[in-house]
Amino acid sequence: MIDEQPNQEPVPAEEGEDGVKKALDEATKKNEEYLRMLQRLQADFNNYRRRSEQERQELGGIACTELAVKLLPALDDLNKAMKAIPADLAQNEWVAGVKHIKQKFESILKAEGLEQIEAEGATFDPWQHDAVLMEEAGDLKPGTVKQVFRNGFKFRGRVIRPAQVSVVKETAAKGSDKSEGKEK
């Protein structure tokens, strides 16, 4: 028994091939369009994922920086306490314990990216140093950091607290020598 559909008329062979080619071309075009849409969506999603990860890392970095800034006063106090230990108590076991705690605290902060700004004897840098005093010093050249009042710190390469320092200023005698030299 052959299944025949009563409403279908036989299609001539030439028209059938053209129709199939047309349908195939249309299907190919739709397929290419869907492929391009899928590729755009995939690229958009990859960009979204990359941006989200970058934002997450930035927020994590900001949170770590804020924590480091909040811990700096505790580190300052610990350093002051260690400098203020009387000589007769320096050999006590609890002093050694506090020194050990301080070293652990500093090593953890260093491992996370905290580094102290080396200031004493360095050339004054307004990005890293906060000049709170100008002093004369014959043995140091002008613009050199003479003394550090409060340590400065960088966190992951970015200054989070500049060092408070005194800076050597040009002496009056040197300043007058220069002005005399310009007049000649």
Protein backbone atom coordinates (compact mmCIF):
# COMPACT_ATOMS: atom_id res chain seq x y z
CA MET A 1 0.00 0.00 0.00
CA ILE A 2 1.36 3.38 -1.03
CA ASP A 3 0.56 6.43 1.04
CA GLU A 4 -0.52 9.21 -1.19
CA GLN A 5 -1.64 12.60 -0.16
CA PRO A 6 -4.59 13.63 -2.22
CA ASN A 7 -3.95 17.41 -2.29
CA GLN A 8 -0.34 17.33 -3.47
CA GLU A 9 0.34 17.72 -7.10
CA PRO A 10 3.54 16.41 -8.57
CA VAL A 11 6.17 19.14 -8.87
CA PRO A 12 8.22 19.30 -12.01
CA ALA A 13 11.82 18.26 -11.44
CA GLU A 14 13.32 21.63 -12.42
CA GLU A 15 11.08 23.65 -10.10
CA GLY A 16 11.73 21.16 -7.28
CA GLU A 17 15.47 21.53 -7.52
CA ASP A 18 15.27 25.33 -7.61
CA GLY A 19 12.91 25.33 -4.65
CA VAL A 20 15.20 23.05 -2.68
CA LYS A 21 18.20 25.22 -3.52
CA LYS A 22 16.28 28.33 -2.45
CA ALA A 23 15.20 26.70 0.78
CA LEU A 24 18.76 25.50 1.39
CA ASP A 25 20.16 28.98 0.73
CA GLU A 26 17.62 30.55 3.10
CA ALA A 27 18.37 27.95 5.77
CA THR A 28 22.12 28.55 5.32
CA LYS A 29 21.64 32.32 5.67
CA LYS A 30 19.54 31.86 8.81
CA ASN A 31 22.12 29.46 10.17
CA GLU A 32 24.93 31.98 9.56
CA GLU A 33 22.84 34.74 11.18
CA TYR A 34 22.17 32.57 14.25
CA LEU A 35 25.86 31.68 14.42
CA ARG A 36 26.85 35.38 14.37
CA MET A 37 24.28 36.14 17.07
CA LEU A 38 25.59 33.28 19.18
CA GLN A 39 29.18 34.45 18.73
CA ARG A 40 28.21 38.02 19.76
CA LEU A 41 26.37 36.70 22.81
CA GLN A 42 29.32 34.53 23.73
CA ALA A 43 31.74 37.49 23.37
CA ASP A 44 29.40 39.71 25.43
CA PHE A 45 29.22 37.07 28.15
CA ASN A 46 33.02 36.64 28.18
CA ASN A 47 33.43 40.43 28.48
CA TYR A 48 30.85 40.52 31.29
CA ARG A 49 32.65 37.72 33.14
CA ARG A 50 36.03 39.46 32.72
CA ARG A 51 34.63 42.82 33.92
CA SER A 52 32.95 41.16 36.90
CA GLU A 53 36.18 39.45 37.92
CA GLN A 54 38.14 42.68 37.52
CA GLU A 55 35.60 44.59 39.63
CA ARG A 56 35.67 41.87 42.28
CA GLN A 57 39.46 42.06 42.46
CA GLU A 58 39.39 45.86 42.65
CA LEU A 59 36.86 45.77 45.48
CA GLY A 60 38.96 43.18 47.30
CA GLY A 61 42.03 45.37 46.86
CA ILE A 62 40.18 48.40 48.20
CA ALA A 63 39.01 46.44 51.23
CA CYS A 64 42.56 45.20 51.91
CA THR A 65 43.94 48.73 51.56
CA GLU A 66 41.35 50.10 53.99
CA LEU A 67 42.22 47.37 56.49
CA ALA A 68 45.94 48.11 56.16
CA VAL A 69 45.29 51.84 56.78
CA LYS A 70 43.29 50.97 59.91
CA LEU A 71 46.08 48.70 61.21
CA LEU A 72 48.85 51.31 60.82
CA PRO A 73 48.09 53.14 64.12
CA ALA A 74 48.29 49.80 65.98
CA LEU A 75 51.66 49.12 64.32
CA ASP A 76 52.84 52.63 65.28
CA ASP A 77 51.79 52.06 68.90
CA LEU A 78 53.53 48.69 68.97
CA ASN A 79 56.75 50.26 67.67
CA LYS A 80 56.53 53.06 70.26
CA ALA A 81 55.97 50.52 73.03
CA MET A 82 59.01 48.51 71.92
CA LYS A 83 61.19 51.64 71.95
CA ALA A 84 59.92 52.62 75.43
CA ILE A 85 60.83 49.35 77.19
CA PRO A 86 63.03 50.17 80.18
CA ALA A 87 66.50 48.61 80.11
CA ASP A 88 65.88 46.62 83.31
CA LEU A 89 62.81 44.93 81.72
CA ALA A 90 64.34 44.31 78.27
CA GLN A 91 65.34 40.71 79.15
CA ASN A 92 61.91 39.62 80.47
CA GLU A 93 60.20 36.76 78.67
CA TRP A 94 57.03 38.76 78.07
CA VAL A 95 59.09 41.43 76.26
CA ALA A 96 60.50 38.72 74.00
CA GLY A 97 56.92 37.51 73.43
CA VAL A 98 55.74 41.00 72.49
CA LYS A 99 58.72 41.36 70.11
CA HIS A 100 57.76 38.05 68.51
CA ILE A 101 54.14 39.19 68.12
CA LYS A 102 55.35 42.44 66.52
CA GLN A 103 57.55 40.49 64.07
CA LYS A 104 54.63 38.19 63.12
CA PHE A 105 52.34 41.19 62.68
CA GLU A 106 54.87 42.93 60.42
CA SER A 107 55.58 39.78 58.38
CA ILE A 108 51.85 39.21 57.75
CA LEU A 109 51.39 42.82 56.62
CA LYS A 110 54.48 42.58 54.42
CA ALA A 111 53.25 39.34 52.84
CA GLU A 112 49.98 41.09 51.97
CA GLY A 113 51.84 43.94 50.25
CA LEU A 114 52.62 46.53 52.96
CA GLU A 115 56.05 48.09 52.73
CA GLN A 116 57.61 50.88 54.74
CA ILE A 117 58.80 53.94 52.84
CA GLU A 118 62.50 54.40 53.41
CA ALA A 119 62.82 58.09 54.10
CA GLU A 120 65.79 59.04 56.28
CA GLY A 121 68.68 60.23 54.11
CA ALA A 122 66.59 60.04 50.94
CA THR A 123 65.82 62.95 48.64
CA PHE A 124 62.49 64.56 49.56
CA ASP A 125 59.65 63.26 47.38
CA PRO A 126 56.30 65.01 47.89
CA TRP A 127 54.47 61.85 46.74
CA GLN A 128 56.03 59.80 49.54
CA HIS A 129 56.97 62.36 52.19
CA ASP A 130 55.05 64.98 54.15
CA ALA A 131 57.47 67.74 55.21
CA VAL A 132 56.47 68.95 58.67
CA LEU A 133 59.72 70.78 59.43
CA MET A 134 62.53 72.46 57.51
CA GLU A 135 65.94 72.40 59.22
CA GLU A 136 69.46 73.52 58.45
CA ALA A 137 72.14 70.86 58.42
CA GLY A 138 75.62 71.59 57.13
CA ASP A 139 76.51 67.95 56.54
CA LEU A 140 73.49 67.12 54.35
CA LYS A 141 72.56 68.66 51.03
CA PRO A 142 69.33 70.64 50.73
CA GLY A 143 66.22 68.60 49.94
CA THR A 144 67.43 65.58 51.93
CA VAL A 145 65.19 63.99 54.56
CA LYS A 146 66.95 64.53 57.89
CA GLN A 147 64.56 62.90 60.35
CA VAL A 148 61.42 60.76 60.25
CA PHE A 149 58.68 61.61 62.74
CA ARG A 150 56.15 59.05 61.54
CA ASN A 151 56.85 56.18 59.15
CA GLY A 152 55.14 56.18 55.79
CA PHE A 153 53.81 53.10 54.03
CA LYS A 154 52.93 51.77 50.60
CA PHE A 155 50.40 49.02 50.06
CA ARG A 156 50.85 47.00 46.87
CA GLY A 157 52.99 49.79 45.40
CA ARG A 158 50.58 52.64 46.22
CA VAL A 159 51.32 55.19 48.97
CA ILE A 160 48.66 54.87 51.66
CA ARG A 161 50.36 57.11 54.22
CA PRO A 162 53.26 59.46 53.47
CA ALA A 163 56.14 59.62 55.94
CA GLN A 164 56.17 62.73 58.12
CA VAL A 165 59.68 64.10 57.89
CA SER A 166 61.99 67.03 58.47
CA VAL A 167 63.82 68.22 55.37
CA VAL A 168 67.16 69.98 55.10
CA LYS A 169 66.73 73.50 53.80
CA GLU A 170 69.28 75.59 52.05
CA THR A 171 71.36 77.59 54.51
CA ALA A 172 71.28 81.37 54.39
CA ALA A 173 75.02 81.48 53.53
CA LYS A 174 74.56 79.18 50.54
CA GLY A 175 71.54 81.16 49.37
CA SER A 176 73.49 84.43 49.49
CA ASP A 177 76.43 82.84 47.61
CA LYS A 178 74.10 81.87 44.80
CA SER A 179 72.51 85.29 44.59
CA GLU A 180 75.96 86.91 44.52
CA GLY A 181 77.01 84.54 41.75
CA LYS A 182 74.04 85.56 39.64
CA GLU A 183 74.88 89.27 39.96
CA LYS A 184 78.42 88.86 38.62
